[in-house]
Protein backbone atom coordinates (compact mmCIF):
# COMPACT_ATOMS: atom_id res chain seq x y z
CA MET A 1 117.51 8.58 50.88
CA ALA A 2 118.47 5.65 48.92
CA VAL A 3 116.18 7.18 46.03
CA LEU A 4 117.67 10.58 46.12
CA ALA A 5 121.10 9.24 46.12
CA ALA A 6 120.32 7.86 42.88
CA SER A 7 119.17 10.77 41.00
CA LEU A 8 121.89 13.06 42.35
CA ALA A 9 124.17 9.90 40.82
CA ALA A 10 122.37 10.34 37.62
CA GLY A 11 122.43 14.06 37.89
CA GLY A 12 125.99 13.38 37.74
CA CYS A 13 126.72 11.78 35.00
CA ALA A 14 124.75 13.58 32.97
CA SER A 15 126.30 16.31 33.25
CA LEU A 16 129.63 14.86 32.69
CA GLN A 17 128.90 13.48 29.53
CA SER A 18 127.84 16.84 28.39
CA SER A 19 130.27 18.59 29.43
CA GLU A 20 133.60 19.44 27.07
CA ASN A 21 136.61 18.78 30.25
CA PHE A 22 136.23 17.26 33.21
CA LEU A 23 136.70 20.39 36.53
CA GLY A 24 138.50 22.13 34.17
CA ILE A 25 141.57 20.43 33.94
CA VAL A 26 140.98 17.00 31.54
CA THR A 27 139.66 16.74 28.58
CA PRO A 28 138.11 13.28 27.49
CA TYR A 29 139.18 12.31 24.22
CA ARG A 30 136.35 11.30 21.45
CA LEU A 31 136.83 9.34 18.89
CA GLU A 32 137.56 11.07 15.15
CA VAL A 33 134.80 9.32 13.28
CA VAL A 34 135.76 10.26 9.39
CA GLN A 35 132.88 8.57 7.18
CA GLY A 36 132.92 9.01 3.08
CA ASN A 37 134.67 10.39 0.05
CA VAL A 38 136.83 13.60 1.00
CA VAL A 39 136.16 15.63 -2.31
CA THR A 40 137.32 18.78 -2.58
CA GLN A 41 136.42 22.33 -5.07
CA GLU A 42 139.28 21.42 -7.76
CA GLN A 43 138.28 17.43 -8.33
CA ILE A 44 134.85 19.09 -8.75
CA GLU A 45 135.91 21.14 -11.13
CA ARG A 46 137.24 18.51 -13.64
CA VAL A 47 134.79 16.85 -13.22
CA LYS A 48 132.66 17.68 -16.21
CA PRO A 49 129.37 16.34 -18.29
CA GLY A 50 130.41 14.43 -20.22
CA LEU A 51 132.92 11.76 -18.51
CA THR A 52 132.79 8.12 -18.73
CA ARG A 53 132.34 6.87 -14.95
CA ALA A 54 135.76 5.24 -15.27
CA GLN A 55 136.54 8.88 -15.36
CA VAL A 56 135.27 9.37 -13.05
CA ARG A 57 135.83 6.91 -10.94
CA ASP A 58 139.75 8.14 -11.29
CA VAL A 59 139.20 11.45 -10.44
CA MET A 60 136.67 11.78 -7.01
CA GLY A 61 137.23 7.78 -6.46
CA SER A 62 135.09 4.89 -5.72
CA PRO A 63 131.23 6.41 -4.88
CA LEU A 64 130.53 5.39 -1.08
CA LEU A 65 126.52 4.65 -2.43
CA THR A 66 125.37 3.62 -5.73
CA ASP A 67 121.75 1.53 -5.42
CA PRO A 68 121.16 -1.06 -7.76
CA PHE A 69 117.52 0.96 -7.55
CA HIS A 70 118.93 4.14 -9.66
CA ALA A 71 122.45 2.70 -11.60
CA ASP A 72 122.83 6.28 -12.83
CA ARG A 73 122.96 7.80 -9.95
CA TRP A 74 126.09 8.11 -7.54
CA ASP A 75 126.12 9.25 -4.54
CA TYR A 76 129.40 10.74 -2.44
CA VAL A 77 128.77 11.33 0.84
CA PHE A 78 131.81 12.66 3.08
CA THR A 79 131.10 13.55 7.77
CA ILE A 80 133.81 14.17 9.69
CA ARG A 81 134.09 14.70 13.78
CA ARG A 82 137.53 15.76 15.10
CA GLN A 83 137.79 17.33 18.60
CA GLY A 84 139.15 20.76 18.34
CA ALA A 85 137.29 20.61 14.89
CA GLU A 86 133.88 22.41 14.03
CA PRO A 87 132.09 19.16 12.25
CA GLN A 88 131.19 18.42 8.73
CA GLN A 89 128.89 17.10 6.24
CA ARG A 90 128.69 17.13 2.46
CA ALA A 91 126.67 15.27 0.32
CA ILE A 92 127.58 15.61 -3.91
CA VAL A 93 125.73 13.42 -6.07
CA LEU A 94 126.38 13.03 -10.23
CA LEU A 95 123.94 11.51 -12.32
CA PHE A 96 125.12 9.55 -15.94
CA ASP A 97 123.33 9.38 -18.99
CA GLY A 98 124.46 5.11 -19.94
CA GLU A 99 127.95 5.36 -19.50
CA ARG A 100 128.38 8.69 -19.83
CA LEU A 101 128.22 12.12 -16.74
CA LYS A 102 125.34 13.80 -17.33
CA SER A 103 124.75 16.30 -14.43
CA VAL A 104 126.87 17.07 -10.88
CA ASP A 105 124.88 18.21 -8.04
CA ALA A 106 127.81 19.83 -4.67
CA PRO A 107 127.35 22.21 -2.65
CA ALA A 108 130.08 24.95 -2.27
CA LEU A 109 133.29 22.88 -1.40
CA PRO A 110 136.16 24.56 -0.25
CA SER A 111 139.77 24.09 -1.22
CA GLU A 112 142.21 20.77 -0.76
CA ARG A 113 144.03 24.08 1.31
CA ASP A 114 140.68 25.49 3.21
CA PHE A 115 139.54 21.64 4.13
CA VAL A 116 143.00 20.70 5.70
CA GLU A 117 143.16 23.94 7.40
CA SER A 118 139.84 23.32 9.24
CA ILE A 119 140.90 20.20 10.26
CA ASP A 120 144.45 21.15 11.59
CA THR A 121 143.37 21.06 15.16
CA PHE A 122 147.43 22.12 15.51
CA LYS A 123 147.62 25.68 14.25
CA SER A 124 149.14 27.24 16.45
CA LYS A 125 151.88 24.36 16.70
CA ARG A 126 152.88 24.32 13.02
CA ASP A 127 153.49 27.83 12.07
CA ALA A 128 156.56 28.15 10.01
CA GLY A 129 157.73 30.76 7.58
CA PRO A 130 157.36 30.86 4.21
CA LEU A 131 159.12 28.06 1.85
CA ALA A 132 160.76 29.72 -0.35
CA LEU A 133 162.46 33.07 -0.04
CA THR A 134 161.34 36.47 -1.94
CA ASP A 135 163.79 37.88 -4.80
CA GLU A 136 164.78 40.85 -1.35
CA GLN A 137 165.96 38.00 0.58
CA ARG A 138 168.19 35.91 -1.89
CA LYS A 139 169.67 39.68 -2.63
CA ALA A 140 170.83 40.07 0.80
CA LEU A 141 172.16 36.61 1.07
CA PRO A 142 175.88 35.95 1.50
CA PRO A 143 177.97 35.25 -1.87
CA PRO A 144 179.03 31.99 -0.52
CA ARG A 145 182.23 30.76 -0.10
CA GLN A 146 184.60 29.12 -2.27
CA PRO A 147 186.31 25.95 -1.49
CA GLN A 148 190.03 26.61 -1.04
CA ALA A 149 191.74 24.69 -3.50
CA GLU A 150 194.03 22.02 -0.79
CA PRO A 151 197.68 21.02 -2.27
CA ALA A 152 197.98 16.99 -3.36
CA ALA A 153 198.68 15.18 -1.50
CA ALA A 154 201.41 12.58 -2.23
CA PRO A 155 201.09 9.16 -2.66
CA ALA A 156 202.14 7.47 0.18
CA GLY A 157 203.89 4.46 0.03
CA PRO A 158 206.13 3.71 -2.32
CA ALA A 159 204.18 2.97 -5.73
CA ARG A 160 203.53 -0.62 -6.68
CA ALA A 161 204.51 -2.89 -9.87
CA TYR A 162 201.81 -4.92 -10.90
CA PRO A 163 202.66 -8.14 -13.72
CA PRO A 164 201.30 -6.68 -16.53
CA LEU A 165 197.95 -9.37 -17.74
CA GLU A 166 198.40 -10.25 -20.83
CA PRO A 167 201.76 -12.26 -22.03
CA GLN A 168 203.87 -9.47 -23.90
CA SER A 169 205.54 -10.43 -27.57
């Protein structure tokens, strides 16, 4: 009887870990794991053979891996696991010849906008309209009202007379 109860309890724990939610209502919190450097298509387009190590570091950031046995190789590795988004993993290898970049080995990378969209789990809640009006929309706007000039208010109270600052000669 005890063996049967233990096996049922162990089987229940395993099914809870593999399911996305508990009883179809509660979704357990999963820790967001981000490791490495986010490298986008815009960054990789700016990195060309012949750049110095300092110039590459300015564009790409510090490499995640530098090997003392392979001093001319920089590895940029990026992984992200976020609840509600597909996990992503990328590896980029830069090879140097002395102080100058020799070659770039990179997979197809997303643009910055595509990357943000791929990890944004609030897509349906953030549907904002366009930030700029088209020419037709601008022409359809009513003209701005001209401010009406208000009559100048008379000074309140008696005018003050101040003594001169310098003696008059």
